[in-house]
Amino acid sequence: MPANIARASLSPAGVLSLGVGNGNLIDNNHVNPVGYLDVRLAYQWTGNIELYGAIDNATNVPRPEDGSSAVYDILGRTMRAGLRFNY
């Protein structure tokens, strides 16, 4: 007996498109939208050295309960800093 598989896709607005798979419709097609604030800073110290820093998801907004981990942030707030050398 073949498995019943429903198909759906996620739009940028956070809405699942209705899909049909072997006669089955997806009836719950809403994912709450979220917004992330990412911050980037860079300072060119010399012609060859650049200092940089970044904070992703600075406000630590969680992903929607029904949101896919492939689309939404799952790590929460992350920070990084470093030096770039050009020679």
PDB file of N, CA and C in Angstrom:
ATOM      1  N   MET A   1       0.848  -1.166   0.000  1.00  0.00           N
ATOM      2  CA  MET A   1       0.000   0.000   0.000  1.00  0.00           C
ATOM      3  C   MET A   1       0.900   1.239   0.000  1.00  0.00           C
ATOM      4  N   PRO A   2       0.750   2.186  -0.954  1.00  0.00           N
ATOM      5  CA  PRO A   2       1.601   3.375  -1.003  1.00  0.00           C
ATOM      6  C   PRO A   2       1.295   4.328   0.147  1.00  0.00           C
ATOM      7  N   ALA A   3       2.335   5.033   0.583  1.00  0.00           N
ATOM      8  CA  ALA A   3       2.173   6.014   1.672  1.00  0.00           C
ATOM      9  C   ALA A   3       1.516   7.279   1.138  1.00  0.00           C
ATOM     10  N   ASN A   4       0.681   7.907   1.952  1.00  0.00           N
ATOM     11  CA  ASN A   4       0.078   9.191   1.603  1.00  0.00           C
ATOM     12  C   ASN A   4       1.042  10.296   1.998  1.00  0.00           C
ATOM     13  N   ILE A   5       1.475  11.073   1.025  1.00  0.00           N
ATOM     14  CA  ILE A   5       2.433  12.140   1.279  1.00  0.00           C
ATOM     15  C   ILE A   5       1.832  13.459   0.822  1.00  0.00           C
ATOM     16  N   ALA A   6       1.773  14.425   1.721  1.00  0.00           N
ATOM     17  CA  ALA A   6       1.294  15.767   1.376  1.00  0.00           C
ATOM     18  C   ALA A   6       2.504  16.642   1.109  1.00  0.00           C
ATOM     19  N   ARG A   7       2.386  17.531   0.143  1.00  0.00           N
ATOM     20  CA  ARG A   7       3.477  18.428  -0.198  1.00  0.00           C
ATOM     21  C   ARG A   7       3.085  19.858   0.144  1.00  0.00           C
ATOM     22  N   ALA A   8       4.076  20.612   0.586  1.00  0.00           N
ATOM     23  CA  ALA A   8       3.849  22.025   0.877  1.00  0.00           C
ATOM     24  C   ALA A   8       5.161  22.752   0.704  1.00  0.00           C
ATOM     25  N   SER A   9       5.091  24.060   0.511  1.00  0.00           N
ATOM     26  CA  SER A   9       6.295  24.860   0.427  1.00  0.00           C
ATOM     27  C   SER A   9       6.128  26.094   1.300  1.00  0.00           C
ATOM     28  N   LEU A  10       7.239  26.620   1.794  1.00  0.00           N
ATOM     29  CA  LEU A  10       7.202  27.770   2.673  1.00  0.00           C
ATOM     30  C   LEU A  10       7.502  29.018   1.878  1.00  0.00           C
ATOM     31  N   SER A  11       6.632  29.994   1.960  1.00  0.00           N
ATOM     32  CA  SER A  11       6.831  31.253   1.253  1.00  0.00           C
ATOM     33  C   SER A  11       7.576  32.225   2.164  1.00  0.00           C
ATOM     34  N   PRO A  12       8.163  33.292   1.610  1.00  0.00           N
ATOM     35  CA  PRO A  12       8.850  34.268   2.446  1.00  0.00           C
ATOM     36  C   PRO A  12       7.933  34.917   3.487  1.00  0.00           C
ATOM     37  N   ALA A  13       6.628  34.909   3.241  1.00  0.00           N
ATOM     38  CA  ALA A  13       5.693  35.498   4.198  1.00  0.00           C
ATOM     39  C   ALA A  13       5.402  34.560   5.359  1.00  0.00           C
ATOM     40  N   GLY A  14       5.937  33.345   5.335  1.00  0.00           N
ATOM     41  CA  GLY A  14       5.727  32.390   6.413  1.00  0.00           C
ATOM     42  C   GLY A  14       4.429  31.628   6.296  1.00  0.00           C
ATOM     43  N   VAL A  15       3.898  31.467   5.087  1.00  0.00           N
ATOM     44  CA  VAL A  15       2.645  30.745   4.884  1.00  0.00           C
ATOM     45  C   VAL A  15       2.931  29.497   4.063  1.00  0.00           C
ATOM     46  N   LEU A  16       2.445  28.376   4.538  1.00  0.00           N
ATOM     47  CA  LEU A  16       2.584  27.135   3.783  1.00  0.00           C
ATOM     48  C   LEU A  16       1.577  27.128   2.652  1.00  0.00           C
ATOM     49  N   SER A  17       2.035  26.820   1.453  1.00  0.00           N
ATOM     50  CA  SER A  17       1.123  26.704   0.318  1.00  0.00           C
ATOM     51  C   SER A  17       0.413  25.371   0.408  1.00  0.00           C
ATOM     52  N   LEU A  18      -0.879  25.381   0.112  1.00  0.00           N
ATOM     53  CA  LEU A  18      -1.621  24.127   0.130  1.00  0.00           C
ATOM     54  C   LEU A  18      -1.066  23.191  -0.928  1.00  0.00           C
ATOM     55  N   GLY A  19      -0.885  21.963  -0.553  1.00  0.00           N
ATOM     56  CA  GLY A  19      -0.375  20.973  -1.491  1.00  0.00           C
ATOM     57  C   GLY A  19      -1.257  19.742  -1.462  1.00  0.00           C
ATOM     58  N   VAL A  20      -1.245  19.013  -2.534  1.00  0.00           N
ATOM     59  CA  VAL A  20      -2.056  17.805  -2.627  1.00  0.00           C
ATOM     60  C   VAL A  20      -1.120  16.625  -2.807  1.00  0.00           C
ATOM     61  N   GLY A  21      -1.295  15.622  -2.018  1.00  0.00           N
ATOM     62  CA  GLY A  21      -0.532  14.390  -2.150  1.00  0.00           C
ATOM     63  C   GLY A  21      -1.462  13.217  -1.951  1.00  0.00           C
ATOM     64  N   ASN A  22      -1.773  12.509  -2.981  1.00  0.00           N
ATOM     65  CA  ASN A  22      -2.683  11.359  -2.924  1.00  0.00           C
ATOM     66  C   ASN A  22      -4.046  11.744  -2.336  1.00  0.00           C
ATOM     67  N   GLY A  23      -4.540  12.932  -2.702  1.00  0.00           N
ATOM     68  CA  GLY A  23      -5.865  13.342  -2.270  1.00  0.00           C
ATOM     69  C   GLY A  23      -5.925  14.004  -0.905  1.00  0.00           C
ATOM     70  N   ASN A  24      -4.788  14.175  -0.226  1.00  0.00           N
ATOM     71  CA  ASN A  24      -4.784  14.801   1.101  1.00  0.00           C
ATOM     72  C   ASN A  24      -4.407  16.268   0.977  1.00  0.00           C
ATOM     73  N   LEU A  25      -5.163  17.135   1.628  1.00  0.00           N
ATOM     74  CA  LEU A  25      -4.856  18.562   1.652  1.00  0.00           C
ATOM     75  C   LEU A  25      -4.285  18.941   3.010  1.00  0.00           C
ATOM     76  N   ILE A  26      -3.366  19.898   3.010  1.00  0.00           N
ATOM     77  CA  ILE A  26      -2.864  20.440   4.269  1.00  0.00           C
ATOM     78  C   ILE A  26      -3.851  21.506   4.710  1.00  0.00           C
ATOM     79  N   ASP A  27      -4.404  21.367   5.912  1.00  0.00           N
ATOM     80  CA  ASP A  27      -5.417  22.318   6.349  1.00  0.00           C
ATOM     81  C   ASP A  27      -4.884  23.375   7.307  1.00  0.00           C
ATOM     82  N   ASN A  28      -3.682  23.206   7.845  1.00  0.00           N
ATOM     83  CA  ASN A  28      -3.098  24.201   8.737  1.00  0.00           C
ATOM     84  C   ASN A  28      -1.946  24.850   7.993  1.00  0.00           C
ATOM     85  N   ASN A  29      -2.195  25.983   7.357  1.00  0.00           N
ATOM     86  CA  ASN A  29      -1.188  26.563   6.480  1.00  0.00           C
ATOM     87  C   ASN A  29      -0.650  27.895   6.976  1.00  0.00           C
ATOM     88  N   HIS A  30      -0.542  28.084   8.282  1.00  0.00           N
ATOM     89  CA  HIS A  30      -0.033  29.357   8.796  1.00  0.00           C
ATOM     90  C   HIS A  30       1.116  29.117   9.764  1.00  0.00           C
ATOM     91  N   VAL A  31       2.208  29.843   9.545  1.00  0.00           N
ATOM     92  CA  VAL A  31       3.335  29.866  10.469  1.00  0.00           C
ATOM     93  C   VAL A  31       3.525  31.324  10.861  1.00  0.00           C
ATOM     94  N   ASN A  32       3.551  31.603  12.154  1.00  0.00           N
ATOM     95  CA  ASN A  32       3.705  32.985  12.607  1.00  0.00           C
ATOM     96  C   ASN A  32       5.021  33.565  12.099  1.00  0.00           C
ATOM     97  N   PRO A  33       4.998  34.778  11.542  1.00  0.00           N
ATOM     98  CA  PRO A  33       6.231  35.394  11.051  1.00  0.00           C
ATOM     99  C   PRO A  33       7.099  35.877  12.209  1.00  0.00           C
ATOM    100  N   VAL A  34       8.395  35.907  11.983  1.00  0.00           N
ATOM    101  CA  VAL A  34       9.337  36.455  12.957  1.00  0.00           C
ATOM    102  C   VAL A  34      10.311  37.373  12.227  1.00  0.00           C
ATOM    103  N   GLY A  35      10.918  38.266  12.961  1.00  0.00           N
ATOM    104  CA  GLY A  35      11.941  39.143  12.401  1.00  0.00           C
ATOM    105  C   GLY A  35      13.202  39.042  13.246  1.00  0.00           C
ATOM    106  N   TYR A  36      14.346  38.989  12.598  1.00  0.00           N
ATOM    107  CA  TYR A  36      15.627  38.903  13.294  1.00  0.00           C
ATOM    108  C   TYR A  36      16.412  40.184  13.065  1.00  0.00           C
ATOM    109  N   LEU A  37      17.137  40.614  14.067  1.00  0.00           N
ATOM    110  CA  LEU A  37      18.006  41.774  13.952  1.00  0.00           C
ATOM    111  C   LEU A  37      19.455  41.284  13.980  1.00  0.00           C
ATOM    112  N   ASP A  38      20.159  41.443  12.868  1.00  0.00           N
ATOM    113  CA  ASP A  38      21.564  41.087  12.766  1.00  0.00           C
ATOM    114  C   ASP A  38      22.384  42.372  12.712  1.00  0.00           C
ATOM    115  N   VAL A  39      23.465  42.442  13.473  1.00  0.00           N
ATOM    116  CA  VAL A  39      24.294  43.639  13.562  1.00  0.00           C
ATOM    117  C   VAL A  39      25.707  43.301  13.115  1.00  0.00           C
ATOM    118  N   ARG A  40      26.288  44.152  12.247  1.00  0.00           N
ATOM    119  CA  ARG A  40      27.652  43.964  11.755  1.00  0.00           C
ATOM    120  C   ARG A  40      28.425  45.265  11.930  1.00  0.00           C
ATOM    121  N   LEU A  41      29.654  45.158  12.389  1.00  0.00           N
ATOM    122  CA  LEU A  41      30.540  46.310  12.506  1.00  0.00           C
ATOM    123  C   LEU A  41      31.907  45.931  11.952  1.00  0.00           C
ATOM    124  N   ALA A  42      32.561  46.878  11.323  1.00  0.00           N
ATOM    125  CA  ALA A  42      33.924  46.654  10.831  1.00  0.00           C
ATOM    126  C   ALA A  42      34.692  47.965  10.934  1.00  0.00           C
ATOM    127  N   TYR A  43      35.989  47.845  11.225  1.00  0.00           N
ATOM    128  CA  TYR A  43      36.853  49.009  11.324  1.00  0.00           C
ATOM    129  C   TYR A  43      38.162  48.699  10.602  1.00  0.00           C
ATOM    130  N   GLN A  44      38.500  49.503   9.622  1.00  0.00           N
ATOM    131  CA  GLN A  44      39.747  49.329   8.872  1.00  0.00           C
ATOM    132  C   GLN A  44      40.852  50.003   9.676  1.00  0.00           C
ATOM    133  N   TRP A  45      41.622  49.196  10.413  1.00  0.00           N
ATOM    134  CA  TRP A  45      42.647  49.720  11.304  1.00  0.00           C
ATOM    135  C   TRP A  45      43.822  50.278  10.510  1.00  0.00           C
ATOM    136  N   THR A  46      44.337  49.483   9.599  1.00  0.00           N
ATOM    137  CA  THR A  46      45.380  49.927   8.672  1.00  0.00           C
ATOM    138  C   THR A  46      44.957  49.474   7.287  1.00  0.00           C
ATOM    139  N   GLY A  47      45.804  49.724   6.301  1.00  0.00           N
ATOM    140  CA  GLY A  47      45.496  49.271   4.949  1.00  0.00           C
ATOM    141  C   GLY A  47      45.414  47.762   4.831  1.00  0.00           C
ATOM    142  N   ASN A  48      46.047  47.038   5.753  1.00  0.00           N
ATOM    143  CA  ASN A  48      46.092  45.571   5.684  1.00  0.00           C
ATOM    144  C   ASN A  48      45.319  44.869   6.797  1.00  0.00           C
ATOM    145  N   ILE A  49      44.857  45.597   7.805  1.00  0.00           N
ATOM    146  CA  ILE A  49      44.216  44.962   8.964  1.00  0.00           C
ATOM    147  C   ILE A  49      42.818  45.548   9.170  1.00  0.00           C
ATOM    148  N   GLU A  50      41.843  44.666   9.302  1.00  0.00           N
ATOM    149  CA  GLU A  50      40.458  45.068   9.565  1.00  0.00           C
ATOM    150  C   GLU A  50      39.960  44.326  10.802  1.00  0.00           C
ATOM    151  N   LEU A  51      39.354  45.039  11.736  1.00  0.00           N
ATOM    152  CA  LEU A  51      38.700  44.447  12.896  1.00  0.00           C
ATOM    153  C   LEU A  51      37.212  44.329  12.564  1.00  0.00           C
ATOM    154  N   TYR A  52      36.577  43.233  12.945  1.00  0.00           N
ATOM    155  CA  TYR A  52      35.149  43.086  12.667  1.00  0.00           C
ATOM    156  C   TYR A  52      34.443  42.379  13.822  1.00  0.00           C
ATOM    157  N   GLY A  53      33.159  42.594  13.901  1.00  0.00           N
ATOM    158  CA  GLY A  53      32.308  41.928  14.877  1.00  0.00           C
ATOM    159  C   GLY A  53      30.915  41.752  14.296  1.00  0.00           C
ATOM    160  N   ALA A  54      30.206  40.742  14.778  1.00  0.00           N
ATOM    161  CA  ALA A  54      28.853  40.475  14.291  1.00  0.00           C
ATOM    162  C   ALA A  54      28.017  39.839  15.396  1.00  0.00           C
ATOM    163  N   ILE A  55      26.759  40.214  15.441  1.00  0.00           N
ATOM    164  CA  ILE A  55      25.785  39.578  16.325  1.00  0.00           C
ATOM    165  C   ILE A  55      24.599  39.179  15.459  1.00  0.00           C
ATOM    166  N   ASP A  56      24.316  37.900  15.395  1.00  0.00           N
ATOM    167  CA  ASP A  56      23.143  37.405  14.677  1.00  0.00           C
ATOM    168  C   ASP A  56      22.019  37.192  15.680  1.00  0.00           C
ATOM    169  N   ASN A  57      20.801  37.562  15.300  1.00  0.00           N
ATOM    170  CA  ASN A  57      19.619  37.466  16.164  1.00  0.00           C
ATOM    171  C   ASN A  57      19.891  38.182  17.493  1.00  0.00           C
ATOM    172  N   ALA A  58      20.271  39.452  17.393  1.00  0.00           N
ATOM    173  CA  ALA A  58      20.676  40.244  18.560  1.00  0.00           C
ATOM    174  C   ALA A  58      19.594  40.306  19.634  1.00  0.00           C
ATOM    175  N   THR A  59      18.341  40.260  19.262  1.00  0.00           N
ATOM    176  CA  THR A  59      17.246  40.326  20.231  1.00  0.00           C
ATOM    177  C   THR A  59      16.824  38.943  20.726  1.00  0.00           C
ATOM    178  N   ASN A  60      17.498  37.901  20.265  1.00  0.00           N
ATOM    179  CA  ASN A  60      17.276  36.516  20.706  1.00  0.00           C
ATOM    180  C   ASN A  60      15.823  36.064  20.527  1.00  0.00           C
ATOM    181  N   VAL A  61      15.264  36.329  19.357  1.00  0.00           N
ATOM    182  CA  VAL A  61      13.887  35.943  19.042  1.00  0.00           C
ATOM    183  C   VAL A  61      13.847  34.442  18.738  1.00  0.00           C
ATOM    184  N   PRO A  62      12.968  33.678  19.388  1.00  0.00           N
ATOM    185  CA  PRO A  62      12.882  32.241  19.091  1.00  0.00           C
ATOM    186  C   PRO A  62      12.158  32.000  17.770  1.00  0.00           C
ATOM    187  N   ARG A  63      12.409  30.862  17.161  1.00  0.00           N
ATOM    188  CA  ARG A  63      11.703  30.525  15.923  1.00  0.00           C
ATOM    189  C   ARG A  63      10.267  30.144  16.258  1.00  0.00           C
ATOM    190  N   PRO A  64       9.361  30.261  15.287  1.00  0.00           N
ATOM    191  CA  PRO A  64       7.972  29.866  15.537  1.00  0.00           C
ATOM    192  C   PRO A  64       7.893  28.380  15.883  1.00  0.00           C
ATOM    193  N   GLU A  65       6.909  28.023  16.671  1.00  0.00           N
ATOM    194  CA  GLU A  65       6.761  26.631  17.115  1.00  0.00           C
ATOM    195  C   GLU A  65       6.669  25.668  15.936  1.00  0.00           C
ATOM    196  N   ASP A  66       5.950  26.066  14.885  1.00  0.00           N
ATOM    197  CA  ASP A  66       5.780  25.200  13.728  1.00  0.00           C
ATOM    198  C   ASP A  66       6.771  25.522  12.613  1.00  0.00           C
ATOM    199  N   GLY A  67       7.733  26.409  12.874  1.00  0.00           N
ATOM    200  CA  GLY A  67       8.674  26.835  11.840  1.00  0.00           C
ATOM    201  C   GLY A  67       9.766  25.814  11.600  1.00  0.00           C
ATOM    202  N   SER A  68      10.172  25.700  10.361  1.00  0.00           N
ATOM    203  CA  SER A  68      11.207  24.752   9.970  1.00  0.00           C
ATOM    204  C   SER A  68      12.576  25.238  10.423  1.00  0.00           C
ATOM    205  N   SER A  69      13.407  24.339  10.920  1.00  0.00           N
ATOM    206  CA  SER A  69      14.766  24.708  11.314  1.00  0.00           C
ATOM    207  C   SER A  69      15.640  24.985  10.091  1.00  0.00           C
ATOM    208  N   ALA A  70      15.184  24.624   8.906  1.00  0.00           N
ATOM    209  CA  ALA A  70      15.925  24.933   7.684  1.00  0.00           C
ATOM    210  C   ALA A  70      15.717  26.392   7.274  1.00  0.00           C
ATOM    211  N   VAL A  71      14.654  27.030   7.752  1.00  0.00           N
ATOM    212  CA  VAL A  71      14.330  28.400   7.371  1.00  0.00           C
ATOM    213  C   VAL A  71      14.592  29.367   8.520  1.00  0.00           C
ATOM    214  N   TYR A  72      14.256  28.979   9.748  1.00  0.00           N
ATOM    215  CA  TYR A  72      14.336  29.871  10.893  1.00  0.00           C
ATOM    216  C   TYR A  72      15.573  29.591  11.739  1.00  0.00           C
ATOM    217  N   ASP A  73      16.022  30.606  12.466  1.00  0.00           N
ATOM    218  CA  ASP A  73      17.179  30.515  13.347  1.00  0.00           C
ATOM    219  C   ASP A  73      16.899  29.545  14.486  1.00  0.00           C
ATOM    220  N   ILE A  74      17.805  28.587  14.716  1.00  0.00           N
ATOM    221  CA  ILE A  74      17.626  27.636  15.819  1.00  0.00           C
ATOM    222  C   ILE A  74      18.662  27.847  16.924  1.00  0.00           C
ATOM    223  N   LEU A  75      19.687  28.661  16.677  1.00  0.00           N
ATOM    224  CA  LEU A  75      20.747  28.847  17.666  1.00  0.00           C
ATOM    225  C   LEU A  75      20.468  29.964  18.657  1.00  0.00           C
ATOM    226  N   GLY A  76      19.603  30.902  18.290  1.00  0.00           N
ATOM    227  CA  GLY A  76      19.416  32.068  19.138  1.00  0.00           C
ATOM    228  C   GLY A  76      20.522  33.074  18.866  1.00  0.00           C
ATOM    229  N   ARG A  77      20.804  33.921  19.838  1.00  0.00           N
ATOM    230  CA  ARG A  77      21.820  34.962  19.662  1.00  0.00           C
ATOM    231  C   ARG A  77      23.210  34.324  19.543  1.00  0.00           C
ATOM    232  N   THR A  78      23.935  34.712  18.505  1.00  0.00           N
ATOM    233  CA  THR A  78      25.320  34.270  18.330  1.00  0.00           C
ATOM    234  C   THR A  78      26.188  35.481  18.044  1.00  0.00           C
ATOM    235  N   MET A  79      27.428  35.446  18.560  1.00  0.00           N
ATOM    236  CA  MET A  79      28.359  36.563  18.387  1.00  0.00           C
ATOM    237  C   MET A  79      29.698  36.053  17.880  1.00  0.00           C
ATOM    238  N   ARG A  80      30.368  36.912  17.115  1.00  0.00           N
ATOM    239  CA  ARG A  80      31.721  36.586  16.669  1.00  0.00           C
ATOM    240  C   ARG A  80      32.481  37.875  16.413  1.00  0.00           C
ATOM    241  N   ALA A  81      33.798  37.789  16.535  1.00  0.00           N
ATOM    242  CA  ALA A  81      34.668  38.936  16.296  1.00  0.00           C
ATOM    243  C   ALA A  81      35.995  38.399  15.774  1.00  0.00           C
ATOM    244  N   GLY A  82      36.736  39.255  15.097  1.00  0.00           N
ATOM    245  CA  GLY A  82      38.014  38.796  14.593  1.00  0.00           C
ATOM    246  C   GLY A  82      38.802  39.881  13.886  1.00  0.00           C
ATOM    247  N   LEU A  83      39.916  39.453  13.337  1.00  0.00           N
ATOM    248  CA  LEU A  83      40.820  40.301  12.557  1.00  0.00           C
ATOM    249  C   LEU A  83      40.960  39.720  11.158  1.00  0.00           C
ATOM    250  N   ARG A  84      40.976  40.578  10.170  1.00  0.00           N
ATOM    251  CA  ARG A  84      41.256  40.150   8.793  1.00  0.00           C
ATOM    252  C   ARG A  84      42.567  40.785   8.376  1.00  0.00           C
ATOM    253  N   PHE A  85      43.448  39.962   7.834  1.00  0.00           N
ATOM    254  CA  PHE A  85      44.737  40.444   7.312  1.00  0.00           C
ATOM    255  C   PHE A  85      44.750  40.288   5.815  1.00  0.00           C
ATOM    256  N   ASN A  86      45.062  41.360   5.122  1.00  0.00           N
ATOM    257  CA  ASN A  86      45.246  41.327   3.666  1.00  0.00           C
ATOM    258  C   ASN A  86      46.700  41.586   3.390  1.00  0.00           C
ATOM    259  N   TYR A  87      47.312  40.746   2.561  1.00  0.00           N
ATOM    260  CA  TYR A  87      48.729  40.957   2.237  1.00  0.00           C
ATOM    261  C   TYR A  87      48.947  40.813   0.767  1.00  0.00           C
TER     262      TYR A  87
END
